[in-house]
Amino acid sequence: MSAVRPALHSHVEDGTSREDLAIFLAGWRRYRALAAREDRGRYEARARPLLERLEEHLAALRVHAAVPVEVFLTEPWRAGDAQLRLFLAMAAAIDATKWLAGKAGVRGRPRSFADAFELLVQAGALPAGKRRVYVGLVRFRNWMAHEAVILPPARVQRLIRFYLPVLEEFTDYLRR
């Protein structure tokens, strides 16, 4: 009989893969260091491409959210594009937490993507009332990324209508 080894956990509590988290933390440290030593104009110029990418995905999501459900269900390409755009907008928002943390002077090191939002809420950079929504956003993004799911079109549109205002509000915080 061979010995059975316990499986190594490749994800942290919120579903973030350890590899993704390592890359994210390297960026977190880099953005905080840039914020400490650079003037605001140069720092914002570095973050502008990220904000533009987020706004591009949100514009596409607004179009998908405005389409009547009947049309959304009859055009299969629309659900696929909408799910991809939602995923990319969520990924861009998670990536933007690094920039917002540097801008807000957040102390501490996140243990996961969800913890990055927690630190921003604790620092007052994001509203405390949205804490659970941000954590849900991260968990949903991680689930889509690691399980490679294709959601039913009606559910995709409901998710867009739920998360779109949250992502738009987050984008407003980034613009300030």
Protein backbone atom coordinates (compact mmCIF):
# COMPACT_ATOMS: atom_id res chain seq x y z
CA MET A 1 0.00 0.00 0.00
CA SER A 2 1.20 3.42 -0.82
CA ALA A 3 0.84 6.35 1.52
CA VAL A 4 -1.72 8.93 0.52
CA ARG A 5 -0.56 12.51 0.77
CA PRO A 6 -3.00 15.25 1.70
CA ALA A 7 -3.81 17.52 -1.21
CA LEU A 8 -2.08 20.86 -1.19
CA HIS A 9 -4.44 23.77 -1.14
CA SER A 10 -3.87 25.77 -4.29
CA HIS A 11 -6.41 28.46 -3.39
CA VAL A 12 -6.86 30.80 -0.46
CA GLU A 13 -10.15 31.25 1.36
CA ASP A 14 -11.93 33.40 -1.25
CA GLY A 15 -10.91 31.16 -4.17
CA THR A 16 -7.90 33.20 -5.30
CA SER A 17 -5.19 30.94 -6.65
CA ARG A 18 -1.86 31.19 -4.89
CA GLU A 19 -0.12 31.99 -8.19
CA ASP A 20 -2.54 34.85 -8.92
CA LEU A 21 -2.09 36.14 -5.38
CA ALA A 22 1.72 36.13 -5.66
CA ILE A 23 1.57 38.22 -8.85
CA PHE A 24 -1.04 40.53 -7.30
CA LEU A 25 1.05 41.09 -4.14
CA ALA A 26 4.13 41.99 -6.17
CA GLY A 27 2.04 44.66 -7.90
CA TRP A 28 0.51 45.78 -4.58
CA ARG A 29 3.97 46.49 -3.16
CA ARG A 30 5.12 48.19 -6.36
CA TYR A 31 2.09 50.51 -6.55
CA ARG A 32 2.37 51.48 -2.89
CA ALA A 33 6.05 52.28 -3.36
CA LEU A 34 5.29 54.38 -6.43
CA ALA A 35 2.62 56.31 -4.56
CA ALA A 36 5.04 57.11 -1.76
CA ARG A 37 7.77 58.54 -3.95
CA GLU A 38 6.05 60.01 -7.01
CA ASP A 39 4.02 63.12 -7.53
CA ARG A 40 0.28 62.70 -8.12
CA GLY A 41 0.39 63.52 -11.84
CA ARG A 42 2.93 60.86 -12.76
CA TYR A 43 1.20 58.32 -10.55
CA GLU A 44 -2.19 58.95 -12.17
CA ALA A 45 -0.62 58.73 -15.63
CA ARG A 46 0.55 55.21 -14.78
CA ALA A 47 -2.96 54.21 -13.65
CA ARG A 48 -4.80 55.78 -16.61
CA PRO A 49 -4.55 52.71 -18.93
CA LEU A 50 -6.11 50.55 -16.23
CA LEU A 51 -8.97 53.00 -15.75
CA GLU A 52 -9.52 53.22 -19.52
CA ARG A 53 -9.66 49.42 -19.79
CA LEU A 54 -12.22 49.26 -16.97
CA GLU A 55 -14.33 51.99 -18.58
CA GLU A 56 -14.21 50.19 -21.95
CA HIS A 57 -15.64 47.01 -20.42
CA LEU A 58 -18.27 48.96 -18.50
CA ALA A 59 -19.43 50.68 -21.69
CA ALA A 60 -19.94 47.28 -23.34
CA LEU A 61 -21.76 46.01 -20.25
CA ARG A 62 -24.11 49.01 -20.31
CA VAL A 63 -25.11 48.05 -23.85
CA HIS A 64 -25.75 44.43 -22.82
CA ALA A 65 -27.73 45.50 -19.75
CA ALA A 66 -30.00 47.70 -21.87
CA VAL A 67 -30.94 44.91 -24.28
CA PRO A 68 -34.37 43.38 -23.56
CA VAL A 69 -34.19 39.88 -22.07
CA GLU A 70 -35.98 38.35 -25.09
CA VAL A 71 -33.34 39.70 -27.47
CA PHE A 72 -30.53 38.73 -25.11
CA LEU A 73 -31.80 35.14 -25.05
CA THR A 74 -32.12 34.85 -28.83
CA GLU A 75 -28.63 36.13 -29.67
CA PRO A 76 -26.15 33.53 -28.33
CA TRP A 77 -23.07 35.64 -29.05
CA ARG A 78 -24.35 38.35 -26.73
CA ALA A 79 -24.29 36.20 -23.57
CA GLY A 80 -20.74 35.03 -24.29
CA ASP A 81 -19.48 38.55 -24.91
CA ALA A 82 -21.31 39.87 -21.85
CA GLN A 83 -19.87 37.17 -19.58
CA LEU A 84 -16.36 37.83 -20.88
CA ARG A 85 -16.76 41.61 -20.42
CA LEU A 86 -18.11 41.11 -16.89
CA PHE A 87 -15.14 38.90 -16.04
CA LEU A 88 -12.65 41.38 -17.52
CA ALA A 89 -14.29 44.33 -15.72
CA MET A 90 -14.10 42.42 -12.44
CA ALA A 91 -10.45 41.53 -13.07
CA ALA A 92 -9.66 45.17 -13.88
CA ALA A 93 -11.40 46.31 -10.68
CA ILE A 94 -9.39 43.83 -8.63
CA ASP A 95 -6.21 45.02 -10.34
CA ALA A 96 -7.20 48.62 -9.61
CA THR A 97 -7.26 47.97 -5.87
CA LYS A 98 -3.46 48.15 -6.00
CA TRP A 99 -3.61 51.64 -7.44
CA LEU A 100 -6.31 52.76 -5.02
CA ALA A 101 -4.35 51.33 -2.08
CA GLY A 102 -1.29 53.33 -3.08
CA LYS A 103 -3.38 56.46 -3.54
CA ALA A 104 -5.10 56.02 -0.15
CA GLY A 105 -1.88 55.12 1.67
CA VAL A 106 -3.26 51.78 2.82
CA ARG A 107 -1.09 49.91 5.28
CA GLY A 108 -1.02 46.15 5.43
CA ARG A 109 -0.71 43.30 3.02
CA PRO A 110 -3.79 41.51 1.68
CA ARG A 111 -4.05 37.75 2.10
CA SER A 112 -6.39 37.47 -0.90
CA PHE A 113 -8.14 39.58 -3.53
CA ALA A 114 -11.13 39.95 -1.19
CA ASP A 115 -8.82 41.09 1.58
CA ALA A 116 -7.54 43.87 -0.69
CA PHE A 117 -11.07 45.28 -0.79
CA GLU A 118 -11.36 44.78 3.00
CA LEU A 119 -8.21 46.86 3.56
CA LEU A 120 -9.57 49.62 1.31
CA VAL A 121 -12.86 49.67 3.23
CA GLN A 122 -11.00 49.81 6.55
CA ALA A 123 -8.90 52.72 5.27
CA GLY A 124 -12.05 54.59 4.23
CA ALA A 125 -11.17 54.50 0.52
CA LEU A 126 -14.34 52.49 -0.26
CA PRO A 127 -17.77 52.58 1.42
CA ALA A 128 -18.23 50.11 4.28
CA GLY A 129 -21.78 49.35 3.13
CA LYS A 130 -20.44 47.71 -0.04
CA ARG A 131 -17.98 45.40 1.71
CA ARG A 132 -20.00 42.22 1.12
CA VAL A 133 -20.69 43.15 -2.51
CA TYR A 134 -16.96 43.61 -3.21
CA VAL A 135 -16.12 40.30 -1.54
CA GLY A 136 -18.88 38.64 -3.59
CA LEU A 137 -17.47 40.22 -6.74
CA VAL A 138 -14.07 38.68 -6.01
CA ARG A 139 -15.48 35.26 -5.22
CA PHE A 140 -17.61 35.31 -8.37
CA ARG A 141 -14.62 36.35 -10.50
CA ASN A 142 -12.51 33.58 -8.96
CA TRP A 143 -15.25 31.02 -9.57
CA MET A 144 -15.53 32.05 -13.23
CA ALA A 145 -11.76 32.04 -13.66
CA HIS A 146 -10.99 28.70 -12.05
CA GLU A 147 -14.05 26.70 -13.02
CA ALA A 148 -14.30 28.05 -16.60
CA VAL A 149 -18.09 28.12 -16.45
CA ILE A 150 -20.49 29.19 -19.17
CA LEU A 151 -23.55 30.70 -17.55
CA PRO A 152 -27.10 30.68 -18.94
CA PRO A 153 -27.85 33.93 -20.83
CA ALA A 154 -30.64 35.05 -18.49
CA ARG A 155 -28.33 34.69 -15.48
CA VAL A 156 -25.55 36.59 -17.24
CA GLN A 157 -27.85 39.54 -17.82
CA ARG A 158 -29.09 39.48 -14.18
CA LEU A 159 -25.48 39.46 -12.97
CA ILE A 160 -24.60 42.37 -15.24
CA ARG A 161 -27.53 44.38 -13.95
CA PHE A 162 -26.47 43.63 -10.37
CA TYR A 163 -22.72 44.25 -10.68
CA LEU A 164 -22.74 47.11 -13.21
CA PRO A 165 -23.71 49.83 -10.67
CA VAL A 166 -21.13 48.46 -8.23
CA LEU A 167 -18.37 48.53 -10.84
CA GLU A 168 -19.41 52.02 -11.98
CA GLU A 169 -19.30 53.30 -8.40
CA PHE A 170 -15.86 51.71 -7.96
CA THR A 171 -14.70 53.42 -11.16
CA ASP A 172 -15.92 56.76 -9.76
CA TYR A 173 -13.72 56.20 -6.69
CA LEU A 174 -10.76 55.56 -8.97
CA ARG A 175 -11.36 58.80 -10.89
CA ARG A 176 -11.23 60.96 -7.73
